Amino acid sequence: MNMFSYKDFAASFVRFFIFMMILAGYPMLHFLGVNLIQDLFFGRNVSRTKVIVIGATLNVTGLLFTIFYPNVGAVLAYFGSVSGLICIYTMPVLVHLSLMKQKIENQIAGHTEFEPAVDI
């Protein structure tokens, strides 16, 4: 967006809506990050103080990272490629393994996967 003039109305309109999307999306991502860290390291019953400390740590870590390493685009490229790798190659395999585990457990328990509609 730096290639457009600041006096251009269309570019300013797009900048405003990008800002609004970031402003609306950040609290949701922050909430998910805090809950993920809380569940992984502390369990479900966590005091309000720990939740505030986790949130502050996330914010300060991001702030310090952008202050001392201003080339955020390179970092986002690496994180995006790793996330894409996980989504494209790892998740389908894990879903398939989960379905196969359910199928095997159903066969061991004596349940059939497909029950006929009419008894023969």
PDB file of N, CA and C in Angstrom:
ATOM      1  N   MET A   1       0.812  -1.198   0.000  1.00  0.00           N
ATOM      2  CA  MET A   1       0.000   0.000   0.000  1.00  0.00           C
ATOM      3  C   MET A   1       0.856   1.262   0.000  1.00  0.00           C
ATOM      4  N   ASN A   2       2.164   1.114   0.160  1.00  0.00           N
ATOM      5  CA  ASN A   2       3.022   2.290   0.165  1.00  0.00           C
ATOM      6  C   ASN A   2       3.193   2.894  -1.224  1.00  0.00           C
ATOM      7  N   MET A   3       2.849   2.168  -2.267  1.00  0.00           N
ATOM      8  CA  MET A   3       3.037   2.696  -3.612  1.00  0.00           C
ATOM      9  C   MET A   3       1.957   3.688  -4.010  1.00  0.00           C
ATOM     10  N   PHE A   4       0.865   3.751  -3.234  1.00  0.00           N
ATOM     11  CA  PHE A   4      -0.215   4.681  -3.527  1.00  0.00           C
ATOM     12  C   PHE A   4      -0.047   5.957  -2.721  1.00  0.00           C
ATOM     13  N   SER A   5      -0.505   7.039  -3.285  1.00  0.00           N
ATOM     14  CA  SER A   5      -0.419   8.326  -2.620  1.00  0.00           C
ATOM     15  C   SER A   5      -1.359   8.362  -1.409  1.00  0.00           C
ATOM     16  N   TYR A   6      -0.984   9.137  -0.419  1.00  0.00           N
ATOM     17  CA  TYR A   6      -1.836   9.281   0.765  1.00  0.00           C
ATOM     18  C   TYR A   6      -3.067  10.131   0.474  1.00  0.00           C
ATOM     19  N   LYS A   7      -3.050  10.836  -0.650  1.00  0.00           N
ATOM     20  CA  LYS A   7      -4.201  11.650  -1.028  1.00  0.00           C
ATOM     21  C   LYS A   7      -5.216  10.865  -1.861  1.00  0.00           C
ATOM     22  N   ASP A   8      -4.846   9.653  -2.275  1.00  0.00           N
ATOM     23  CA  ASP A   8      -5.743   8.817  -3.076  1.00  0.00           C
ATOM     24  C   ASP A   8      -6.857   8.274  -2.181  1.00  0.00           C
ATOM     25  N   PHE A   9      -8.110   8.555  -2.564  1.00  0.00           N
ATOM     26  CA  PHE A   9      -9.253   8.160  -1.741  1.00  0.00           C
ATOM     27  C   PHE A   9      -9.408   6.649  -1.666  1.00  0.00           C
ATOM     28  N   ALA A  10      -9.254   5.956  -2.787  1.00  0.00           N
ATOM     29  CA  ALA A  10      -9.442   4.505  -2.813  1.00  0.00           C
ATOM     30  C   ALA A  10      -8.406   3.801  -1.933  1.00  0.00           C
ATOM     31  N   ALA A  11      -7.154   4.264  -1.998  1.00  0.00           N
ATOM     32  CA  ALA A  11      -6.109   3.662  -1.173  1.00  0.00           C
ATOM     33  C   ALA A  11      -6.373   3.923   0.306  1.00  0.00           C
ATOM     34  N   SER A  12      -6.836   5.116   0.629  1.00  0.00           N
ATOM     35  CA  SER A  12      -7.161   5.425   2.026  1.00  0.00           C
ATOM     36  C   SER A  12      -8.335   4.594   2.513  1.00  0.00           C
ATOM     37  N   PHE A  13      -9.302   4.374   1.642  1.00  0.00           N
ATOM     38  CA  PHE A  13     -10.461   3.540   1.973  1.00  0.00           C
ATOM     39  C   PHE A  13     -10.015   2.105   2.276  1.00  0.00           C
ATOM     40  N   VAL A  14      -9.144   1.558   1.437  1.00  0.00           N
ATOM     41  CA  VAL A  14      -8.640   0.201   1.637  1.00  0.00           C
ATOM     42  C   VAL A  14      -7.799   0.123   2.904  1.00  0.00           C
ATOM     43  N   ARG A  15      -6.949   1.131   3.145  1.00  0.00           N
ATOM     44  CA  ARG A  15      -6.142   1.163   4.368  1.00  0.00           C
ATOM     45  C   ARG A  15      -7.026   1.160   5.609  1.00  0.00           C
ATOM     46  N   PHE A  16      -8.102   1.938   5.572  1.00  0.00           N
ATOM     47  CA  PHE A  16      -9.013   2.009   6.712  1.00  0.00           C
ATOM     48  C   PHE A  16      -9.639   0.642   6.987  1.00  0.00           C
ATOM     49  N   PHE A  17     -10.102  -0.057   5.950  1.00  0.00           N
ATOM     50  CA  PHE A  17     -10.739  -1.347   6.170  1.00  0.00           C
ATOM     51  C   PHE A  17      -9.745  -2.432   6.558  1.00  0.00           C
ATOM     52  N   ILE A  18      -8.508  -2.342   6.094  1.00  0.00           N
ATOM     53  CA  ILE A  18      -7.482  -3.274   6.573  1.00  0.00           C
ATOM     54  C   ILE A  18      -7.221  -3.035   8.051  1.00  0.00           C
ATOM     55  N   PHE A  19      -7.160  -1.776   8.450  1.00  0.00           N
ATOM     56  CA  PHE A  19      -6.987  -1.454   9.868  1.00  0.00           C
ATOM     57  C   PHE A  19      -8.154  -1.980  10.697  1.00  0.00           C
ATOM     58  N   MET A  20      -9.373  -1.842  10.199  1.00  0.00           N
ATOM     59  CA  MET A  20     -10.542  -2.328  10.935  1.00  0.00           C
ATOM     60  C   MET A  20     -10.532  -3.856  11.051  1.00  0.00           C
ATOM     61  N   MET A  21     -10.085  -4.545   9.997  1.00  0.00           N
ATOM     62  CA  MET A  21      -9.996  -6.003  10.064  1.00  0.00           C
ATOM     63  C   MET A  21      -8.971  -6.437  11.106  1.00  0.00           C
ATOM     64  N   ILE A  22      -7.839  -5.765  11.148  1.00  0.00           N
ATOM     65  CA  ILE A  22      -6.822  -6.093  12.154  1.00  0.00           C
ATOM     66  C   ILE A  22      -7.341  -5.762  13.545  1.00  0.00           C
ATOM     67  N   LEU A  23      -7.994  -4.633  13.680  1.00  0.00           N
ATOM     68  CA  LEU A  23      -8.527  -4.226  14.978  1.00  0.00           C
ATOM     69  C   LEU A  23      -9.583  -5.207  15.473  1.00  0.00           C
ATOM     70  N   ALA A  24     -10.391  -5.745  14.581  1.00  0.00           N
ATOM     71  CA  ALA A  24     -11.427  -6.690  14.984  1.00  0.00           C
ATOM     72  C   ALA A  24     -10.873  -8.095  15.176  1.00  0.00           C
ATOM     73  N   GLY A  25      -9.846  -8.468  14.459  1.00  0.00           N
ATOM     74  CA  GLY A  25      -9.329  -9.829  14.526  1.00  0.00           C
ATOM     75  C   GLY A  25      -8.331 -10.068  15.641  1.00  0.00           C
ATOM     76  N   TYR A  26      -7.618  -9.046  16.066  1.00  0.00           N
ATOM     77  CA  TYR A  26      -6.587  -9.238  17.081  1.00  0.00           C
ATOM     78  C   TYR A  26      -7.132  -9.751  18.409  1.00  0.00           C
ATOM     79  N   PRO A  27      -8.224  -9.215  18.950  1.00  0.00           N
ATOM     80  CA  PRO A  27      -8.710  -9.761  20.235  1.00  0.00           C
ATOM     81  C   PRO A  27      -9.071 -11.244  20.157  1.00  0.00           C
ATOM     82  N   MET A  28      -9.591 -11.682  19.026  1.00  0.00           N
ATOM     83  CA  MET A  28      -9.931 -13.093  18.877  1.00  0.00           C
ATOM     84  C   MET A  28      -8.666 -13.952  18.861  1.00  0.00           C
ATOM     85  N   LEU A  29      -7.646 -13.543  18.133  1.00  0.00           N
ATOM     86  CA  LEU A  29      -6.394 -14.282  18.102  1.00  0.00           C
ATOM     87  C   LEU A  29      -5.713 -14.272  19.464  1.00  0.00           C
ATOM     88  N   HIS A  30      -5.794 -13.145  20.149  1.00  0.00           N
ATOM     89  CA  HIS A  30      -5.217 -13.040  21.489  1.00  0.00           C
ATOM     90  C   HIS A  30      -5.922 -14.001  22.448  1.00  0.00           C
ATOM     91  N   PHE A  31      -7.240 -14.044  22.386  1.00  0.00           N
ATOM     92  CA  PHE A  31      -8.026 -14.948  23.235  1.00  0.00           C
ATOM     93  C   PHE A  31      -7.658 -16.398  22.969  1.00  0.00           C
ATOM     94  N   LEU A  32      -7.551 -16.771  21.685  1.00  0.00           N
ATOM     95  CA  LEU A  32      -7.191 -18.145  21.339  1.00  0.00           C
ATOM     96  C   LEU A  32      -5.778 -18.485  21.802  1.00  0.00           C
ATOM     97  N   GLY A  33      -4.842 -17.560  21.655  1.00  0.00           N
ATOM     98  CA  GLY A  33      -3.471 -17.800  22.097  1.00  0.00           C
ATOM     99  C   GLY A  33      -3.370 -17.982  23.596  1.00  0.00           C
ATOM    100  N   VAL A  34      -4.054 -17.131  24.344  1.00  0.00           N
ATOM    101  CA  VAL A  34      -4.036 -17.240  25.806  1.00  0.00           C
ATOM    102  C   VAL A  34      -4.665 -18.555  26.246  1.00  0.00           C
ATOM    103  N   ASN A  35      -5.784 -18.939  25.650  1.00  0.00           N
ATOM    104  CA  ASN A  35      -6.431 -20.199  26.018  1.00  0.00           C
ATOM    105  C   ASN A  35      -5.572 -21.403  25.661  1.00  0.00           C
ATOM    106  N   LEU A  36      -4.892 -21.359  24.527  1.00  0.00           N
ATOM    107  CA  LEU A  36      -4.022 -22.451  24.134  1.00  0.00           C
ATOM    108  C   LEU A  36      -2.881 -22.620  25.124  1.00  0.00           C
ATOM    109  N   ILE A  37      -2.214 -21.541  25.474  1.00  0.00           N
ATOM    110  CA  ILE A  37      -1.115 -21.610  26.434  1.00  0.00           C
ATOM    111  C   ILE A  37      -1.628 -22.045  27.800  1.00  0.00           C
ATOM    112  N   GLN A  38      -2.777 -21.539  28.183  1.00  0.00           N
ATOM    113  CA  GLN A  38      -3.368 -21.909  29.466  1.00  0.00           C
ATOM    114  C   GLN A  38      -3.663 -23.412  29.514  1.00  0.00           C
ATOM    115  N   ASP A  39      -4.273 -23.961  28.480  1.00  0.00           N
ATOM    116  CA  ASP A  39      -4.613 -25.384  28.465  1.00  0.00           C
ATOM    117  C   ASP A  39      -3.377 -26.272  28.388  1.00  0.00           C
ATOM    118  N   LEU A  40      -2.377 -25.863  27.610  1.00  0.00           N
ATOM    119  CA  LEU A  40      -1.184 -26.694  27.447  1.00  0.00           C
ATOM    120  C   LEU A  40      -0.323 -26.747  28.700  1.00  0.00           C
ATOM    121  N   PHE A  41      -0.179 -25.628  29.382  1.00  0.00           N
ATOM    122  CA  PHE A  41       0.783 -25.568  30.472  1.00  0.00           C
ATOM    123  C   PHE A  41       0.172 -25.523  31.866  1.00  0.00           C
ATOM    124  N   PHE A  42      -1.052 -25.059  32.001  1.00  0.00           N
ATOM    125  CA  PHE A  42      -1.599 -24.853  33.343  1.00  0.00           C
ATOM    126  C   PHE A  42      -2.893 -25.614  33.615  1.00  0.00           C
ATOM    127  N   GLY A  43      -3.551 -26.145  32.616  1.00  0.00           N
ATOM    128  CA  GLY A  43      -4.825 -26.817  32.821  1.00  0.00           C
ATOM    129  C   GLY A  43      -5.978 -25.820  32.778  1.00  0.00           C
ATOM    130  N   ARG A  44      -7.148 -26.301  33.163  1.00  0.00           N
ATOM    131  CA  ARG A  44      -8.353 -25.479  33.050  1.00  0.00           C
ATOM    132  C   ARG A  44      -8.515 -24.468  34.186  1.00  0.00           C
ATOM    133  N   ASN A  45      -8.189 -24.846  35.394  1.00  0.00           N
ATOM    134  CA  ASN A  45      -8.427 -23.962  36.542  1.00  0.00           C
ATOM    135  C   ASN A  45      -7.219 -23.059  36.773  1.00  0.00           C
ATOM    136  N   VAL A  46      -7.257 -21.896  36.183  1.00  0.00           N
ATOM    137  CA  VAL A  46      -6.163 -20.937  36.292  1.00  0.00           C
ATOM    138  C   VAL A  46      -6.717 -19.646  36.857  1.00  0.00           C
ATOM    139  N   SER A  47      -5.944 -19.041  37.749  1.00  0.00           N
ATOM    140  CA  SER A  47      -6.397 -17.784  38.353  1.00  0.00           C
ATOM    141  C   SER A  47      -6.384 -16.663  37.316  1.00  0.00           C
ATOM    142  N   ARG A  48      -7.129 -15.645  37.613  1.00  0.00           N
ATOM    143  CA  ARG A  48      -7.223 -14.478  36.722  1.00  0.00           C
ATOM    144  C   ARG A  48      -5.865 -13.801  36.565  1.00  0.00           C
ATOM    145  N   THR A  49      -5.063 -13.830  37.616  1.00  0.00           N
ATOM    146  CA  THR A  49      -3.739 -13.209  37.567  1.00  0.00           C
ATOM    147  C   THR A  49      -2.851 -13.903  36.541  1.00  0.00           C
ATOM    148  N   LYS A  50      -2.884 -15.237  36.509  1.00  0.00           N
ATOM    149  CA  LYS A  50      -2.064 -15.970  35.533  1.00  0.00           C
ATOM    150  C   LYS A  50      -2.522 -15.678  34.105  1.00  0.00           C
ATOM    151  N   VAL A  51      -3.825 -15.559  33.913  1.00  0.00           N
ATOM    152  CA  VAL A  51      -4.335 -15.252  32.574  1.00  0.00           C
ATOM    153  C   VAL A  51      -3.848 -13.878  32.127  1.00  0.00           C
ATOM    154  N   ILE A  52      -3.865 -12.912  33.030  1.00  0.00           N
ATOM    155  CA  ILE A  52      -3.382 -11.561  32.703  1.00  0.00           C
ATOM    156  C   ILE A  52      -1.889 -11.590  32.406  1.00  0.00           C
ATOM    157  N   VAL A  53      -1.121 -12.364  33.187  1.00  0.00           N
ATOM    158  CA  VAL A  53       0.324 -12.455  32.962  1.00  0.00           C
ATOM    159  C   VAL A  53       0.614 -13.122  31.617  1.00  0.00           C
ATOM    160  N   ILE A  54      -0.137 -14.166  31.269  1.00  0.00           N
ATOM    161  CA  ILE A  54       0.051 -14.819  29.971  1.00  0.00           C
ATOM    162  C   ILE A  54      -0.258 -13.842  28.837  1.00  0.00           C
ATOM    163  N   GLY A  55      -1.346 -13.099  28.950  1.00  0.00           N
ATOM    164  CA  GLY A  55      -1.702 -12.124  27.920  1.00  0.00           C
ATOM    165  C   GLY A  55      -0.667 -11.021  27.786  1.00  0.00           C
ATOM    166  N   ALA A  56      -0.194 -10.518  28.923  1.00  0.00           N
ATOM    167  CA  ALA A  56       0.831  -9.465  28.885  1.00  0.00           C
ATOM    168  C   ALA A  56       2.124  -9.996  28.279  1.00  0.00           C
ATOM    169  N   THR A  57       2.473 -11.242  28.597  1.00  0.00           N
ATOM    170  CA  THR A  57       3.684 -11.838  28.039  1.00  0.00           C
ATOM    171  C   THR A  57       3.576 -11.980  26.525  1.00  0.00           C
ATOM    172  N   LEU A  58       2.405 -12.396  26.045  1.00  0.00           N
ATOM    173  CA  LEU A  58       2.210 -12.486  24.591  1.00  0.00           C
ATOM    174  C   LEU A  58       2.360 -11.121  23.926  1.00  0.00           C
ATOM    175  N   ASN A  59       1.756 -10.105  24.514  1.00  0.00           N
ATOM    176  CA  ASN A  59       1.834  -8.764  23.927  1.00  0.00           C
ATOM    177  C   ASN A  59       3.252  -8.217  23.948  1.00  0.00           C
ATOM    178  N   VAL A  60       3.929  -8.354  25.073  1.00  0.00           N
ATOM    179  CA  VAL A  60       5.284  -7.810  25.197  1.00  0.00           C
ATOM    180  C   VAL A  60       6.247  -8.561  24.291  1.00  0.00           C
ATOM    181  N   THR A  61       6.073  -9.882  24.175  1.00  0.00           N
ATOM    182  CA  THR A  61       6.941 -10.658  23.292  1.00  0.00           C
ATOM    183  C   THR A  61       6.794 -10.193  21.842  1.00  0.00           C
ATOM    184  N   GLY A  62       5.560 -10.031  21.398  1.00  0.00           N
ATOM    185  CA  GLY A  62       5.346  -9.532  20.038  1.00  0.00           C
ATOM    186  C   GLY A  62       5.897  -8.134  19.827  1.00  0.00           C
ATOM    187  N   LEU A  63       5.705  -7.276  20.821  1.00  0.00           N
ATOM    188  CA  LEU A  63       6.205  -5.902  20.729  1.00  0.00           C
ATOM    189  C   LEU A  63       7.725  -5.872  20.661  1.00  0.00           C
ATOM    190  N   LEU A  64       8.389  -6.621  21.539  1.00  0.00           N
ATOM    191  CA  LEU A  64       9.854  -6.648  21.533  1.00  0.00           C
ATOM    192  C   LEU A  64      10.392  -7.261  20.244  1.00  0.00           C
ATOM    193  N   PHE A  65       9.683  -8.249  19.742  1.00  0.00           N
ATOM    194  CA  PHE A  65      10.124  -8.878  18.503  1.00  0.00           C
ATOM    195  C   PHE A  65      10.078  -7.883  17.357  1.00  0.00           C
ATOM    196  N   THR A  66       9.014  -7.092  17.264  1.00  0.00           N
ATOM    197  CA  THR A  66       8.922  -6.124  16.168  1.00  0.00           C
ATOM    198  C   THR A  66       9.856  -4.938  16.357  1.00  0.00           C
ATOM    199  N   ILE A  67      10.186  -4.611  17.608  1.00  0.00           N
ATOM    200  CA  ILE A  67      11.120  -3.501  17.841  1.00  0.00           C
ATOM    201  C   ILE A  67      12.536  -3.894  17.424  1.00  0.00           C
ATOM    202  N   PHE A  68      12.967  -5.101  17.839  1.00  0.00           N
ATOM    203  CA  PHE A  68      14.353  -5.486  17.596  1.00  0.00           C
ATOM    204  C   PHE A  68      14.574  -6.211  16.271  1.00  0.00           C
ATOM    205  N   TYR A  69      13.524  -6.677  15.647  1.00  0.00           N
ATOM    206  CA  TYR A  69      13.634  -7.292  14.323  1.00  0.00           C
ATOM    207  C   TYR A  69      12.519  -6.740  13.450  1.00  0.00           C
ATOM    208  N   PRO A  70      12.753  -5.580  12.837  1.00  0.00           N
ATOM    209  CA  PRO A  70      11.669  -4.901  12.112  1.00  0.00           C
ATOM    210  C   PRO A  70      11.256  -5.555  10.796  1.00  0.00           C
ATOM    211  N   ASN A  71      11.996  -6.551  10.316  1.00  0.00           N
ATOM    212  CA  ASN A  71      11.648  -7.214   9.065  1.00  0.00           C
ATOM    213  C   ASN A  71      10.628  -8.322   9.351  1.00  0.00           C
ATOM    214  N   VAL A  72       9.430  -7.920   9.703  1.00  0.00           N
ATOM    215  CA  VAL A  72       8.396  -8.859  10.121  1.00  0.00           C
ATOM    216  C   VAL A  72       7.902  -9.698   8.945  1.00  0.00           C
ATOM    217  N   GLY A  73       8.003  -9.184   7.739  1.00  0.00           N
ATOM    218  CA  GLY A  73       7.537  -9.919   6.577  1.00  0.00           C
ATOM    219  C   GLY A  73       8.259 -11.249   6.399  1.00  0.00           C
ATOM    220  N   ALA A  74       9.555 -11.279   6.678  1.00  0.00           N
ATOM    221  CA  ALA A  74      10.317 -12.523   6.560  1.00  0.00           C
ATOM    222  C   ALA A  74       9.856 -13.533   7.611  1.00  0.00           C
ATOM    223  N   VAL A  75       9.618 -13.053   8.810  1.00  0.00           N
ATOM    224  CA  VAL A  75       9.165 -13.937   9.882  1.00  0.00           C
ATOM    225  C   VAL A  75       7.782 -14.496   9.554  1.00  0.00           C
ATOM    226  N   LEU A  76       6.892 -13.638   9.068  1.00  0.00           N
ATOM    227  CA  LEU A  76       5.557 -14.094   8.701  1.00  0.00           C
ATOM    228  C   LEU A  76       5.606 -15.101   7.553  1.00  0.00           C
ATOM    229  N   ALA A  77       6.556 -14.936   6.642  1.00  0.00           N
ATOM    230  CA  ALA A  77       6.689 -15.888   5.543  1.00  0.00           C
ATOM    231  C   ALA A  77       7.075 -17.265   6.070  1.00  0.00           C
ATOM    232  N   TYR A  78       8.012 -17.315   7.005  1.00  0.00           N
ATOM    233  CA  TYR A  78       8.415 -18.603   7.571  1.00  0.00           C
ATOM    234  C   TYR A  78       7.283 -19.244   8.371  1.00  0.00           C
ATOM    235  N   PHE A  79       6.611 -18.459   9.220  1.00  0.00           N
ATOM    236  CA  PHE A  79       5.502 -19.006  10.002  1.00  0.00           C
ATOM    237  C   PHE A  79       4.359 -19.449   9.095  1.00  0.00           C
ATOM    238  N   GLY A  80       4.095 -18.701   8.046  1.00  0.00           N
ATOM    239  CA  GLY A  80       3.047 -19.079   7.116  1.00  0.00           C
ATOM    240  C   GLY A  80       3.378 -20.359   6.373  1.00  0.00           C
ATOM    241  N   SER A  81       4.634 -20.518   5.983  1.00  0.00           N
ATOM    242  CA  SER A  81       5.006 -21.742   5.273  1.00  0.00           C
ATOM    243  C   SER A  81       4.947 -22.950   6.184  1.00  0.00           C
ATOM    244  N   VAL A  82       5.357 -22.806   7.436  1.00  0.00           N
ATOM    245  CA  VAL A  82       5.263 -23.927   8.385  1.00  0.00           C
ATOM    246  C   VAL A  82       3.798 -24.255   8.672  1.00  0.00           C
ATOM    247  N   SER A  83       2.970 -23.243   8.834  1.00  0.00           N
ATOM    248  CA  SER A  83       1.540 -23.482   9.067  1.00  0.00           C
ATOM    249  C   SER A  83       0.898 -24.166   7.868  1.00  0.00           C
ATOM    250  N   GLY A  84       1.247 -23.737   6.684  1.00  0.00           N
ATOM    251  CA  GLY A  84       0.725 -24.376   5.486  1.00  0.00           C
ATOM    252  C   GLY A  84       1.177 -25.824   5.379  1.00  0.00           C
ATOM    253  N   LEU A  85       2.421 -26.081   5.737  1.00  0.00           N
ATOM    254  CA  LEU A  85       2.932 -27.444   5.728  1.00  0.00           C
ATOM    255  C   LEU A  85       2.123 -28.325   6.673  1.00  0.00           C
ATOM    256  N   ILE A  86       1.838 -27.812   7.850  1.00  0.00           N
ATOM    257  CA  ILE A  86       1.064 -28.581   8.825  1.00  0.00           C
ATOM    258  C   ILE A  86      -0.353 -28.810   8.314  1.00  0.00           C
ATOM    259  N   CYS A  87      -0.976 -27.767   7.802  1.00  0.00           N
ATOM    260  CA  CYS A  87      -2.363 -27.902   7.336  1.00  0.00           C
ATOM    261  C   CYS A  87      -2.479 -28.826   6.133  1.00  0.00           C
ATOM    262  N   ILE A  88      -1.548 -28.749   5.207  1.00  0.00           N
ATOM    263  CA  ILE A  88      -1.680 -29.495   3.961  1.00  0.00           C
ATOM    264  C   ILE A  88      -1.215 -30.944   4.096  1.00  0.00           C
ATOM    265  N   TYR A  89      -0.113 -31.181   4.800  1.00  0.00           N
ATOM    266  CA  TYR A  89       0.456 -32.517   4.819  1.00  0.00           C
ATOM    267  C   TYR A  89       0.193 -33.296   6.109  1.00  0.00           C
ATOM    268  N   THR A  90       0.130 -32.645   7.234  1.00  0.00           N
ATOM    269  CA  THR A  90       0.020 -33.361   8.502  1.00  0.00           C
ATOM    270  C   THR A  90      -1.422 -33.600   8.910  1.00  0.00           C
ATOM    271  N   MET A  91      -2.282 -32.607   8.810  1.00  0.00           N
ATOM    272  CA  MET A  91      -3.660 -32.757   9.287  1.00  0.00           C
ATOM    273  C   MET A  91      -4.447 -33.840   8.550  1.00  0.00           C
ATOM    274  N   PRO A  92      -4.368 -33.972   7.225  1.00  0.00           N
ATOM    275  CA  PRO A  92      -5.116 -35.062   6.585  1.00  0.00           C
ATOM    276  C   PRO A  92      -4.689 -36.447   7.077  1.00  0.00           C
ATOM    277  N   VAL A  93      -3.393 -36.620   7.313  1.00  0.00           N
ATOM    278  CA  VAL A  93      -2.909 -37.901   7.820  1.00  0.00           C
ATOM    279  C   VAL A  93      -3.449 -38.157   9.224  1.00  0.00           C
ATOM    280  N   LEU A  94      -3.440 -37.134  10.064  1.00  0.00           N
ATOM    281  CA  LEU A  94      -3.956 -37.308  11.422  1.00  0.00           C
ATOM    282  C   LEU A  94      -5.449 -37.596  11.431  1.00  0.00           C
ATOM    283  N   VAL A  95      -6.200 -36.957  10.560  1.00  0.00           N
ATOM    284  CA  VAL A  95      -7.639 -37.234  10.471  1.00  0.00           C
ATOM    285  C   VAL A  95      -7.865 -38.663   9.991  1.00  0.00           C
ATOM    286  N   HIS A  96      -7.108 -39.106   9.002  1.00  0.00           N
ATOM    287  CA  HIS A  96      -7.243 -40.474   8.504  1.00  0.00           C
ATOM    288  C   HIS A  96      -6.904 -41.482   9.604  1.00  0.00           C
ATOM    289  N   LEU A  97      -5.826 -41.247  10.341  1.00  0.00           N
ATOM    290  CA  LEU A  97      -5.461 -42.155  11.425  1.00  0.00           C
ATOM    291  C   LEU A  97      -6.527 -42.179  12.514  1.00  0.00           C
ATOM    292  N   SER A  98      -7.115 -41.042  12.800  1.00  0.00           N
ATOM    293  CA  SER A  98      -8.181 -40.990  13.802  1.00  0.00           C
ATOM    294  C   SER A  98      -9.392 -41.793  13.352  1.00  0.00           C
ATOM    295  N   LEU A  99      -9.770 -41.658  12.074  1.00  0.00           N
ATOM    296  CA  LEU A  99     -10.903 -42.437  11.555  1.00  0.00           C
ATOM    297  C   LEU A  99     -10.601 -43.932  11.548  1.00  0.00           C
ATOM    298  N   MET A 100      -9.383 -44.305  11.205  1.00  0.00           N
ATOM    299  CA  MET A 100      -9.013 -45.718  11.225  1.00  0.00           C
ATOM    300  C   MET A 100      -9.033 -46.271  12.649  1.00  0.00           C
ATOM    301  N   LYS A 101      -8.612 -45.483  13.618  1.00  0.00           N
ATOM    302  CA  LYS A 101      -8.647 -45.907  15.020  1.00  0.00           C
ATOM    303  C   LYS A 101     -10.089 -46.144  15.463  1.00  0.00           C
ATOM    304  N   GLN A 102     -11.000 -45.247  15.088  1.00  0.00           N
ATOM    305  CA  GLN A 102     -12.410 -45.434  15.432  1.00  0.00           C
ATOM    306  C   GLN A 102     -12.969 -46.692  14.772  1.00  0.00           C
ATOM    307  N   LYS A 103     -12.596 -46.936  13.535  1.00  0.00           N
ATOM    308  CA  LYS A 103     -13.084 -48.114  12.826  1.00  0.00           C
ATOM    309  C   LYS A 103     -12.597 -49.391  13.502  1.00  0.00           C
ATOM    310  N   ILE A 104     -11.332 -49.413  13.894  1.00  0.00           N
ATOM    311  CA  ILE A 104     -10.779 -50.593  14.563  1.00  0.00           C
ATOM    312  C   ILE A 104     -11.421 -50.790  15.927  1.00  0.00           C
ATOM    313  N   GLU A 105     -11.623 -49.706  16.678  1.00  0.00           N
ATOM    314  CA  GLU A 105     -12.270 -49.827  17.984  1.00  0.00           C
ATOM    315  C   GLU A 105     -13.703 -50.317  17.852  1.00  0.00           C
ATOM    316  N   ASN A 106     -14.430 -49.886  16.824  1.00  0.00           N
ATOM    317  CA  ASN A 106     -15.792 -50.360  16.604  1.00  0.00           C
ATOM    318  C   ASN A 106     -15.816 -51.843  16.245  1.00  0.00           C
ATOM    319  N   GLN A 107     -14.841 -52.296  15.461  1.00  0.00           N
ATOM    320  CA  GLN A 107     -14.784 -53.708  15.100  1.00  0.00           C
ATOM    321  C   GLN A 107     -14.443 -54.567  16.306  1.00  0.00           C
ATOM    322  N   ILE A 108     -13.579 -54.095  17.175  1.00  0.00           N
ATOM    323  CA  ILE A 108     -13.214 -54.837  18.378  1.00  0.00           C
ATOM    324  C   ILE A 108     -14.403 -54.916  19.324  1.00  0.00           C
ATOM    325  N   ALA A 109     -15.174 -53.862  19.432  1.00  0.00           N
ATOM    326  CA  ALA A 109     -16.330 -53.834  20.333  1.00  0.00           C
ATOM    327  C   ALA A 109     -17.503 -54.622  19.771  1.00  0.00           C
ATOM    328  N   GLY A 110     -17.421 -55.084  18.532  1.00  0.00           N
ATOM    329  CA  GLY A 110     -18.495 -55.872  17.948  1.00  0.00           C
ATOM    330  C   GLY A 110     -19.513 -55.069  17.183  1.00  0.00           C
ATOM    331  N   HIS A 111     -19.279 -53.793  17.006  1.00  0.00           N
ATOM    332  CA  HIS A 111     -20.190 -52.964  16.228  1.00  0.00           C
ATOM    333  C   HIS A 111     -19.779 -53.033  14.766  1.00  0.00           C
ATOM    334  N   THR A 112     -20.764 -53.029  13.905  1.00  0.00           N
ATOM    335  CA  THR A 112     -20.444 -52.969  12.488  1.00  0.00           C
ATOM    336  C   THR A 112     -20.481 -51.517  12.043  1.00  0.00           C
ATOM    337  N   GLU A 113     -19.686 -51.223  11.050  1.00  0.00           N
ATOM    338  CA  GLU A 113     -19.636 -49.842  10.573  1.00  0.00           C
ATOM    339  C   GLU A 113     -20.941 -49.457   9.895  1.00  0.00           C
ATOM    340  N   PHE A 114     -21.475 -50.333   9.074  1.00  0.00           N
ATOM    341  CA  PHE A 114     -22.734 -50.077   8.391  1.00  0.00           C
ATOM    342  C   PHE A 114     -23.715 -51.181   8.764  1.00  0.00           C
ATOM    343  N   GLU A 115     -24.781 -50.823   9.380  1.00  0.00           N
ATOM    344  CA  GLU A 115     -25.798 -51.821   9.727  1.00  0.00           C
ATOM    345  C   GLU A 115     -26.839 -51.848   8.618  1.00  0.00           C
ATOM    346  N   PRO A 116     -27.249 -53.052   8.187  1.00  0.00           N
ATOM    347  CA  PRO A 116     -28.246 -53.116   7.118  1.00  0.00           C
ATOM    348  C   PRO A 116     -29.593 -52.587   7.586  1.00  0.00           C
ATOM    349  N   ALA A 117     -30.324 -51.973   6.674  1.00  0.00           N
ATOM    350  CA  ALA A 117     -31.625 -51.412   7.013  1.00  0.00           C
ATOM    351  C   ALA A 117     -32.675 -52.497   7.203  1.00  0.00           C
ATOM    352  N   VAL A 118     -32.516 -53.623   6.513  1.00  0.00           N
ATOM    353  CA  VAL A 118     -33.471 -54.728   6.583  1.00  0.00           C
ATOM    354  C   VAL A 118     -32.734 -55.979   7.029  1.00  0.00           C
ATOM    355  N   ASP A 119     -33.302 -56.688   7.991  1.00  0.00           N
ATOM    356  CA  ASP A 119     -32.708 -57.949   8.429  1.00  0.00           C
ATOM    357  C   ASP A 119     -32.943 -59.021   7.385  1.00  0.00           C
ATOM    358  N   ILE A 120     -31.916 -59.752   7.036  1.00  0.00           N
ATOM    359  CA  ILE A 120     -32.033 -60.806   6.029  1.00  0.00           C
ATOM    360  C   ILE A 120     -32.146 -62.147   6.721  1.00  0.00           C
TER     361      ILE A 120
END
